[in-house]
Amino acid sequence: MPTVMKIGTFRFHFYSDEGNEPPHIHVATPDGECKFWLQPVRLARNKGVAPLIVRKIEKMVFENQLFLMRKYYESRNE
């Protein structure tokens, strides 16, 4: 589960074997984890993260979308 970015208490990471899902990023928080699709950026799943925090994370994903997309494809080629 490679970490590709950390911002404050948020850890952005991928899981190594997730089949043929579209590009996405998992974000671990102290309270839970959420998953965002990267094209277009939108919430895919939320487990325990408050809505206000989800919106904050969504903004971070949007601001770093190109970087996260590049890391996503790099992780698939390893």
C-alpha atoms as a PDB file:
ATOM      1  CA  MET A   1       0.000   0.000   0.000  1.00  0.00           C
ATOM      2  CA  PRO A   2       2.325   2.740  -1.234  1.00  0.00           C
ATOM      3  CA  THR A   3       1.836   6.201   0.222  1.00  0.00           C
ATOM      4  CA  VAL A   4       2.112   8.819  -2.510  1.00  0.00           C
ATOM      5  CA  MET A   5       1.355  11.978  -0.532  1.00  0.00           C
ATOM      6  CA  LYS A   6       0.757  13.195   3.021  1.00  0.00           C
ATOM      7  CA  ILE A   7      -0.985  16.417   3.927  1.00  0.00           C
ATOM      8  CA  GLY A   8      -1.381  16.971   7.651  1.00  0.00           C
ATOM      9  CA  THR A   9      -3.042  13.872   9.092  1.00  0.00           C
ATOM     10  CA  PHE A  10      -4.230  12.664   5.661  1.00  0.00           C
ATOM     11  CA  ARG A  11      -2.344   9.848   3.950  1.00  0.00           C
ATOM     12  CA  PHE A  12      -3.011   9.375   0.236  1.00  0.00           C
ATOM     13  CA  HIS A  13      -2.271   5.844  -0.935  1.00  0.00           C
ATOM     14  CA  PHE A  14      -3.058   3.001  -3.313  1.00  0.00           C
ATOM     15  CA  TYR A  15      -3.620  -0.683  -2.669  1.00  0.00           C
ATOM     16  CA  SER A  16      -1.449  -2.990  -4.751  1.00  0.00           C
ATOM     17  CA  ASP A  17      -4.106  -5.274  -6.238  1.00  0.00           C
ATOM     18  CA  GLU A  18      -7.490  -3.754  -6.961  1.00  0.00           C
ATOM     19  CA  GLY A  19      -8.334  -5.330 -10.275  1.00  0.00           C
ATOM     20  CA  ASN A  20      -9.561  -3.212 -13.156  1.00  0.00           C
ATOM     21  CA  GLU A  21     -11.040  -0.270 -11.276  1.00  0.00           C
ATOM     22  CA  PRO A  22     -10.770   3.203 -12.809  1.00  0.00           C
ATOM     23  CA  PRO A  23      -8.035   5.541 -11.493  1.00  0.00           C
ATOM     24  CA  HIS A  24      -8.623   6.353  -7.829  1.00  0.00           C
ATOM     25  CA  ILE A  25      -6.926   7.263  -4.551  1.00  0.00           C
ATOM     26  CA  HIS A  26      -7.541   6.116  -0.983  1.00  0.00           C
ATOM     27  CA  VAL A  27      -7.183   8.649   1.811  1.00  0.00           C
ATOM     28  CA  ALA A  28      -6.636   7.489   5.384  1.00  0.00           C
ATOM     29  CA  THR A  29      -7.602   9.851   8.189  1.00  0.00           C
ATOM     30  CA  PRO A  30      -7.521   9.455  11.980  1.00  0.00           C
ATOM     31  CA  ASP A  31     -11.267   8.664  11.839  1.00  0.00           C
ATOM     32  CA  GLY A  32     -11.534   6.394   8.814  1.00  0.00           C
ATOM     33  CA  GLU A  33     -10.845   6.168   5.107  1.00  0.00           C
ATOM     34  CA  CYS A  34     -12.399   7.454   1.925  1.00  0.00           C
ATOM     35  CA  LYS A  35     -11.805   6.719  -1.728  1.00  0.00           C
ATOM     36  CA  PHE A  36     -12.036   9.120  -4.648  1.00  0.00           C
ATOM     37  CA  TRP A  37     -12.247   8.458  -8.353  1.00  0.00           C
ATOM     38  CA  LEU A  38      -9.719  10.644 -10.162  1.00  0.00           C
ATOM     39  CA  GLN A  39     -11.442  11.191 -13.537  1.00  0.00           C
ATOM     40  CA  PRO A  40     -13.599  13.058 -12.781  1.00  0.00           C
ATOM     41  CA  VAL A  41     -12.834  13.688  -9.123  1.00  0.00           C
ATOM     42  CA  ARG A  42     -15.719  12.374  -7.040  1.00  0.00           C
ATOM     43  CA  LEU A  43     -16.272  10.413  -3.861  1.00  0.00           C
ATOM     44  CA  ALA A  44     -16.383   6.653  -4.420  1.00  0.00           C
ATOM     45  CA  ARG A  45     -16.644   5.451  -0.816  1.00  0.00           C
ATOM     46  CA  ASN A  46     -16.495   6.802   2.712  1.00  0.00           C
ATOM     47  CA  LYS A  47     -15.958   4.853   5.927  1.00  0.00           C
ATOM     48  CA  GLY A  48     -16.127   7.016   9.034  1.00  0.00           C
ATOM     49  CA  VAL A  49     -14.944  10.373   7.678  1.00  0.00           C
ATOM     50  CA  ALA A  50     -17.138  13.382   8.546  1.00  0.00           C
ATOM     51  CA  PRO A  51     -18.746  15.167   5.555  1.00  0.00           C
ATOM     52  CA  LEU A  52     -16.844  18.405   6.220  1.00  0.00           C
ATOM     53  CA  ILE A  53     -13.527  16.516   6.157  1.00  0.00           C
ATOM     54  CA  VAL A  54     -14.570  14.631   3.005  1.00  0.00           C
ATOM     55  CA  ARG A  55     -15.125  17.963   1.239  1.00  0.00           C
ATOM     56  CA  LYS A  56     -11.723  19.196   2.433  1.00  0.00           C
ATOM     57  CA  ILE A  57     -10.058  16.036   1.118  1.00  0.00           C
ATOM     58  CA  GLU A  58     -11.972  16.276  -2.166  1.00  0.00           C
ATOM     59  CA  LYS A  59     -10.496  19.746  -2.679  1.00  0.00           C
ATOM     60  CA  MET A  60      -6.990  18.364  -2.029  1.00  0.00           C
ATOM     61  CA  VAL A  61      -7.590  15.538  -4.515  1.00  0.00           C
ATOM     62  CA  PHE A  62      -8.810  18.020  -7.119  1.00  0.00           C
ATOM     63  CA  GLU A  63      -5.807  20.319  -6.553  1.00  0.00           C
ATOM     64  CA  ASN A  64      -3.409  17.363  -6.909  1.00  0.00           C
ATOM     65  CA  GLN A  65      -5.320  15.424  -9.566  1.00  0.00           C
ATOM     66  CA  LEU A  66      -2.573  15.342 -12.214  1.00  0.00           C
ATOM     67  CA  PHE A  67       0.080  14.281  -9.700  1.00  0.00           C
ATOM     68  CA  LEU A  68      -2.203  11.546  -8.296  1.00  0.00           C
ATOM     69  CA  MET A  69      -3.076  10.303 -11.789  1.00  0.00           C
ATOM     70  CA  ARG A  70       0.605  10.037 -12.652  1.00  0.00           C
ATOM     71  CA  LYS A  71       1.328   8.142  -9.426  1.00  0.00           C
ATOM     72  CA  TYR A  72      -1.663   5.866 -10.020  1.00  0.00           C
ATOM     73  CA  TYR A  73      -0.372   4.797 -13.440  1.00  0.00           C
ATOM     74  CA  GLU A  74       3.190   4.465 -12.152  1.00  0.00           C
ATOM     75  CA  SER A  75       1.953   2.123  -9.414  1.00  0.00           C
ATOM     76  CA  ARG A  76       0.251  -0.059 -12.042  1.00  0.00           C
ATOM     77  CA  ASN A  77       3.474  -0.440 -14.039  1.00  0.00           C
ATOM     78  CA  GLU A  78       5.651  -1.589 -11.126  1.00  0.00           C
END
